[in-house]
C-alpha atoms as a PDB file:
ATOM      1  CA  MET A   1      91.031 -19.471  29.373  1.00  0.00           C
ATOM      2  CA  LEU A   2      92.752 -22.032  31.604  1.00  0.00           C
ATOM      3  CA  ALA A   3      90.614 -24.800  32.819  1.00  0.00           C
ATOM      4  CA  GLU A   4      91.872 -27.656  35.141  1.00  0.00           C
ATOM      5  CA  HIS A   5      89.938 -30.840  35.536  1.00  0.00           C
ATOM      6  CA  PRO A   6      89.662 -31.506  39.518  1.00  0.00           C
ATOM      7  CA  SER A   7      90.018 -35.286  39.202  1.00  0.00           C
ATOM      8  CA  THR A   8      93.374 -36.662  39.942  1.00  0.00           C
ATOM      9  CA  THR A   9      92.800 -40.375  39.382  1.00  0.00           C
ATOM     10  CA  TYR A  10      90.824 -41.193  36.230  1.00  0.00           C
ATOM     11  CA  PHE A  11      90.215 -44.946  36.660  1.00  0.00           C
ATOM     12  CA  HIS A  12      90.880 -47.890  38.946  1.00  0.00           C
ATOM     13  CA  ASP A  13      88.918 -50.465  36.925  1.00  0.00           C
ATOM     14  CA  VAL A  14      91.753 -51.937  34.723  1.00  0.00           C
ATOM     15  CA  PRO A  15      93.466 -55.046  35.601  1.00  0.00           C
ATOM     16  CA  PHE A  16      96.583 -55.036  37.750  1.00  0.00           C
ATOM     17  CA  PHE A  17      99.788 -54.827  35.821  1.00  0.00           C
ATOM     18  CA  SER A  18     103.544 -54.729  36.591  1.00  0.00           C
ATOM     19  CA  LEU A  19     105.501 -51.743  35.143  1.00  0.00           C
ATOM     20  CA  ASP A  20     108.452 -54.005  34.856  1.00  0.00           C
ATOM     21  CA  GLU A  21     106.386 -56.163  32.401  1.00  0.00           C
ATOM     22  CA  LEU A  22     105.048 -53.227  30.434  1.00  0.00           C
ATOM     23  CA  ASP A  23     106.890 -51.741  27.248  1.00  0.00           C
ATOM     24  CA  LEU A  24     105.433 -48.188  28.144  1.00  0.00           C
ATOM     25  CA  HIS A  25     106.859 -46.489  25.179  1.00  0.00           C
ATOM     26  CA  GLU A  26     105.197 -48.976  22.751  1.00  0.00           C
ATOM     27  CA  VAL A  27     101.919 -48.755  24.613  1.00  0.00           C
ATOM     28  CA  LEU A  28     101.975 -44.969  24.408  1.00  0.00           C
ATOM     29  CA  ARG A  29     102.890 -45.167  20.691  1.00  0.00           C
ATOM     30  CA  SER A  30      99.995 -47.413  19.981  1.00  0.00           C
ATOM     31  CA  MET A  31      97.746 -45.296  22.009  1.00  0.00           C
ATOM     32  CA  VAL A  32      98.551 -42.225  19.821  1.00  0.00           C
ATOM     33  CA  ARG A  33      97.648 -44.103  16.648  1.00  0.00           C
ATOM     34  CA  GLU A  34      94.188 -45.019  18.028  1.00  0.00           C
ATOM     35  CA  LEU A  35      93.717 -41.518  19.595  1.00  0.00           C
ATOM     36  CA  ARG A  36      93.457 -40.023  16.172  1.00  0.00           C
ATOM     37  CA  LYS A  37      90.289 -42.019  15.579  1.00  0.00           C
ATOM     38  CA  THR A  38      88.546 -40.322  18.663  1.00  0.00           C
ATOM     39  CA  VAL A  39      89.933 -36.851  19.115  1.00  0.00           C
ATOM     40  CA  ASP A  40      90.903 -34.373  16.353  1.00  0.00           C
ATOM     41  CA  PHE A  41      94.252 -32.548  16.722  1.00  0.00           C
ATOM     42  CA  GLN A  42      97.035 -31.094  14.510  1.00  0.00           C
ATOM     43  CA  TRP A  43     100.073 -31.556  16.791  1.00  0.00           C
ATOM     44  CA  VAL A  44     100.792 -34.228  19.445  1.00  0.00           C
ATOM     45  CA  SER A  45     103.558 -35.137  21.938  1.00  0.00           C
ATOM     46  CA  MET A  46     103.575 -38.172  24.167  1.00  0.00           C
ATOM     47  CA  TYR A  47     105.665 -38.595  27.265  1.00  0.00           C
ATOM     48  CA  ALA A  48     106.351 -41.694  29.352  1.00  0.00           C
ATOM     49  CA  PHE A  49     106.704 -41.034  33.087  1.00  0.00           C
ATOM     50  CA  ASP A  50     109.436 -42.969  34.842  1.00  0.00           C
ATOM     51  CA  ASN A  51     108.048 -43.533  38.270  1.00  0.00           C
ATOM     52  CA  ARG A  52     111.130 -44.978  39.709  1.00  0.00           C
ATOM     53  CA  ARG A  53     113.202 -41.802  38.810  1.00  0.00           C
ATOM     54  CA  ASN A  54     110.296 -39.300  38.788  1.00  0.00           C
ATOM     55  CA  VAL A  55     111.269 -38.126  35.194  1.00  0.00           C
ATOM     56  CA  LEU A  56     109.287 -37.588  32.101  1.00  0.00           C
ATOM     57  CA  GLN A  57     110.752 -38.866  28.873  1.00  0.00           C
ATOM     58  CA  GLU A  58     109.526 -37.945  25.373  1.00  0.00           C
ATOM     59  CA  VAL A  59     108.296 -40.974  23.313  1.00  0.00           C
ATOM     60  CA  ASN A  60     109.397 -41.049  19.787  1.00  0.00           C
ATOM     61  CA  LEU A  61     106.364 -40.903  17.364  1.00  0.00           C
ATOM     62  CA  ALA A  62     106.222 -41.530  13.719  1.00  0.00           C
ATOM     63  CA  GLU A  63     104.496 -38.020  13.514  1.00  0.00           C
ATOM     64  CA  ASN A  64     107.370 -36.344  15.439  1.00  0.00           C
ATOM     65  CA  ASN A  65     105.488 -33.096  15.371  1.00  0.00           C
ATOM     66  CA  GLY A  66     105.103 -32.599  19.046  1.00  0.00           C
ATOM     67  CA  PHE A  67     105.521 -29.675  21.359  1.00  0.00           C
ATOM     68  CA  ASN A  68     105.410 -28.636  25.029  1.00  0.00           C
ATOM     69  CA  PHE A  69     104.445 -25.215  26.620  1.00  0.00           C
ATOM     70  CA  ILE A  70     106.711 -23.263  28.865  1.00  0.00           C
ATOM     71  CA  GLU A  71     109.768 -25.531  28.256  1.00  0.00           C
ATOM     72  CA  VAL A  72     112.149 -22.899  29.856  1.00  0.00           C
ATOM     73  CA  VAL A  73     110.414 -23.671  33.204  1.00  0.00           C
ATOM     74  CA  LYS A  74     112.014 -26.698  35.037  1.00  0.00           C
ATOM     75  CA  PHE A  75     109.971 -28.895  37.395  1.00  0.00           C
ATOM     76  CA  ASN A  76     111.183 -31.776  39.522  1.00  0.00           C
ATOM     77  CA  SER A  77     110.201 -34.365  36.808  1.00  0.00           C
ATOM     78  CA  GLY A  78     111.302 -32.248  33.774  1.00  0.00           C
ATOM     79  CA  ARG A  79     110.672 -29.216  31.656  1.00  0.00           C
ATOM     80  CA  GLY A  80     107.570 -27.481  30.583  1.00  0.00           C
ATOM     81  CA  LEU A  81     103.801 -27.784  31.228  1.00  0.00           C
ATOM     82  CA  ALA A  82     103.799 -31.595  30.620  1.00  0.00           C
ATOM     83  CA  ALA A  83     106.251 -32.089  33.532  1.00  0.00           C
ATOM     84  CA  TRP A  84     103.930 -30.000  35.848  1.00  0.00           C
ATOM     85  CA  VAL A  85     100.879 -32.065  34.598  1.00  0.00           C
ATOM     86  CA  ALA A  86     102.739 -35.163  35.458  1.00  0.00           C
ATOM     87  CA  GLN A  87     103.796 -34.035  38.815  1.00  0.00           C
ATOM     88  CA  GLN A  88     100.346 -32.628  39.767  1.00  0.00           C
ATOM     89  CA  LYS A  89      98.425 -35.421  38.113  1.00  0.00           C
ATOM     90  CA  ARG A  90      96.009 -32.739  36.755  1.00  0.00           C
ATOM     91  CA  PRO A  91      95.154 -32.001  33.112  1.00  0.00           C
ATOM     92  CA  VAL A  92      95.094 -28.573  31.694  1.00  0.00           C
ATOM     93  CA  VAL A  93      92.989 -27.221  28.892  1.00  0.00           C
ATOM     94  CA  LEU A  94      94.199 -23.731  27.324  1.00  0.00           C
ATOM     95  CA  SER A  95      91.172 -23.141  25.158  1.00  0.00           C
ATOM     96  CA  SER A  96      92.414 -20.047  23.671  1.00  0.00           C
ATOM     97  CA  VAL A  97      96.195 -19.339  23.523  1.00  0.00           C
ATOM     98  CA  HIS A  98      97.100 -15.660  22.502  1.00  0.00           C
ATOM     99  CA  ARG A  99     100.957 -16.149  22.325  1.00  0.00           C
ATOM    100  CA  GLY A 100     103.395 -18.234  20.750  1.00  0.00           C
ATOM    101  CA  GLN A 101     103.796 -19.830  17.374  1.00  0.00           C
ATOM    102  CA  ARG A 102     104.218 -23.397  16.322  1.00  0.00           C
ATOM    103  CA  PHE A 103     105.947 -23.880  12.982  1.00  0.00           C
ATOM    104  CA  ARG A 104     105.696 -20.156  12.310  1.00  0.00           C
ATOM    105  CA  SER A 105     102.814 -20.243   9.943  1.00  0.00           C
ATOM    106  CA  ASN A 106     100.489 -22.402  12.208  1.00  0.00           C
ATOM    107  CA  PRO A 107     100.353 -20.819  15.716  1.00  0.00           C
ATOM    108  CA  VAL A 108      98.926 -23.100  18.430  1.00  0.00           C
ATOM    109  CA  LYS A 109      95.691 -21.489  19.532  1.00  0.00           C
ATOM    110  CA  SER A 110      94.299 -24.347  21.627  1.00  0.00           C
ATOM    111  CA  PHE A 111      96.239 -26.660  23.958  1.00  0.00           C
ATOM    112  CA  LEU A 112      95.427 -29.683  25.951  1.00  0.00           C
ATOM    113  CA  CYS A 113      97.874 -31.542  28.227  1.00  0.00           C
ATOM    114  CA  CYS A 114      96.612 -34.574  30.163  1.00  0.00           C
ATOM    115  CA  PRO A 115      98.205 -37.179  32.527  1.00  0.00           C
ATOM    116  CA  ILE A 116      97.574 -40.899  31.655  1.00  0.00           C
ATOM    117  CA  ILE A 117      96.836 -42.387  34.953  1.00  0.00           C
ATOM    118  CA  CYS A 118      96.024 -45.942  35.766  1.00  0.00           C
ATOM    119  CA  ASN A 119      95.615 -47.500  39.278  1.00  0.00           C
ATOM    120  CA  ASP A 120      97.092 -44.298  40.868  1.00  0.00           C
ATOM    121  CA  VAL A 121     100.235 -44.765  38.807  1.00  0.00           C
ATOM    122  CA  THR A 122     101.178 -42.121  36.163  1.00  0.00           C
ATOM    123  CA  LEU A 123     101.998 -43.755  32.979  1.00  0.00           C
ATOM    124  CA  GLY A 124     102.526 -40.605  30.889  1.00  0.00           C
ATOM    125  CA  VAL A 125     101.380 -37.378  29.475  1.00  0.00           C
ATOM    126  CA  VAL A 126      99.852 -36.482  26.108  1.00  0.00           C
ATOM    127  CA  THR A 127      99.894 -32.957  24.857  1.00  0.00           C
ATOM    128  CA  LEU A 128      97.578 -31.804  21.815  1.00  0.00           C
ATOM    129  CA  GLY A 129      97.528 -28.788  19.933  1.00  0.00           C
ATOM    130  CA  HIS A 130      95.247 -27.039  17.325  1.00  0.00           C
ATOM    131  CA  SER A 131      95.564 -23.752  15.405  1.00  0.00           C
ATOM    132  CA  ILE A 132      91.887 -23.015  15.950  1.00  0.00           C
ATOM    133  CA  PRO A 133      90.993 -21.029  19.196  1.00  0.00           C
ATOM    134  CA  ASN A 134      88.696 -22.787  21.614  1.00  0.00           C
ATOM    135  CA  PHE A 135      89.066 -26.159  19.724  1.00  0.00           C
ATOM    136  CA  PHE A 136      89.764 -27.958  22.908  1.00  0.00           C
ATOM    137  CA  THR A 137      87.170 -27.727  25.745  1.00  0.00           C
ATOM    138  CA  ASN A 138      86.336 -29.662  28.880  1.00  0.00           C
ATOM    139  CA  SER A 139      84.141 -31.872  26.685  1.00  0.00           C
ATOM    140  CA  THR A 140      87.377 -32.741  24.691  1.00  0.00           C
ATOM    141  CA  LEU A 141      89.094 -33.598  28.059  1.00  0.00           C
ATOM    142  CA  THR A 142      86.179 -35.916  29.062  1.00  0.00           C
ATOM    143  CA  THR A 143      86.411 -37.530  25.552  1.00  0.00           C
ATOM    144  CA  LEU A 144      90.073 -38.014  26.167  1.00  0.00           C
ATOM    145  CA  LEU A 145      89.788 -39.525  29.583  1.00  0.00           C
ATOM    146  CA  ASN A 146      87.039 -41.974  28.381  1.00  0.00           C
ATOM    147  CA  PHE A 147      89.336 -42.889  25.658  1.00  0.00           C
ATOM    148  CA  PHE A 148      92.259 -43.711  28.103  1.00  0.00           C
ATOM    149  CA  ARG A 149      89.916 -45.796  30.239  1.00  0.00           C
ATOM    150  CA  ARG A 150      88.739 -47.804  27.296  1.00  0.00           C
ATOM    151  CA  TYR A 151      92.038 -48.220  25.547  1.00  0.00           C
ATOM    152  CA  LEU A 152      93.863 -49.199  28.637  1.00  0.00           C
ATOM    153  CA  ALA A 153      91.307 -51.632  29.903  1.00  0.00           C
ATOM    154  CA  GLU A 154      91.242 -53.281  26.438  1.00  0.00           C
ATOM    155  CA  TYR A 155      95.118 -53.383  26.321  1.00  0.00           C
ATOM    156  CA  PHE A 156      95.608 -55.046  29.618  1.00  0.00           C
ATOM    157  CA  ILE A 157      92.742 -57.445  29.253  1.00  0.00           C
ATOM    158  CA  GLU A 158      94.302 -58.588  25.884  1.00  0.00           C
ATOM    159  CA  THR A 159      97.793 -58.661  27.254  1.00  0.00           C
ATOM    160  CA  TYR A 160      97.299 -60.369  30.528  1.00  0.00           C
ATOM    161  CA  SER A 161      94.441 -62.628  29.993  1.00  0.00           C
END
């Protein structure tokens, strides 16, 4: 099942910030550490979006177990579904994936890919995977979006207050 969330902008209520001042890769690494406390997943990838060059860049995570679907397909901002999500500013939930294997013995059966958008600026994209079919749902997506709102608001208030 493919489910797309209709919203393209998730929140406007975080303080204004300058991308020049922001260590985006570090913010996204920190976000993944906190995300584990809110959303369960087996695999994660985080990508930073370079808005000047319109390019998606993988963020090095300590876990380093990430993945991206349809990497053979190239979009303007990069390869795979994560690039499409960044470009379209729309999340995708693949609740039950019937093909493909991840690490051979643990096939990804549920996949979620979501842009991280703040004040109409795409900061990055997160991809989550799980071996249990139907593990990720639109409810998971809502939880994830609420997490982004809370995390970024707290981060920017702490950093720029």
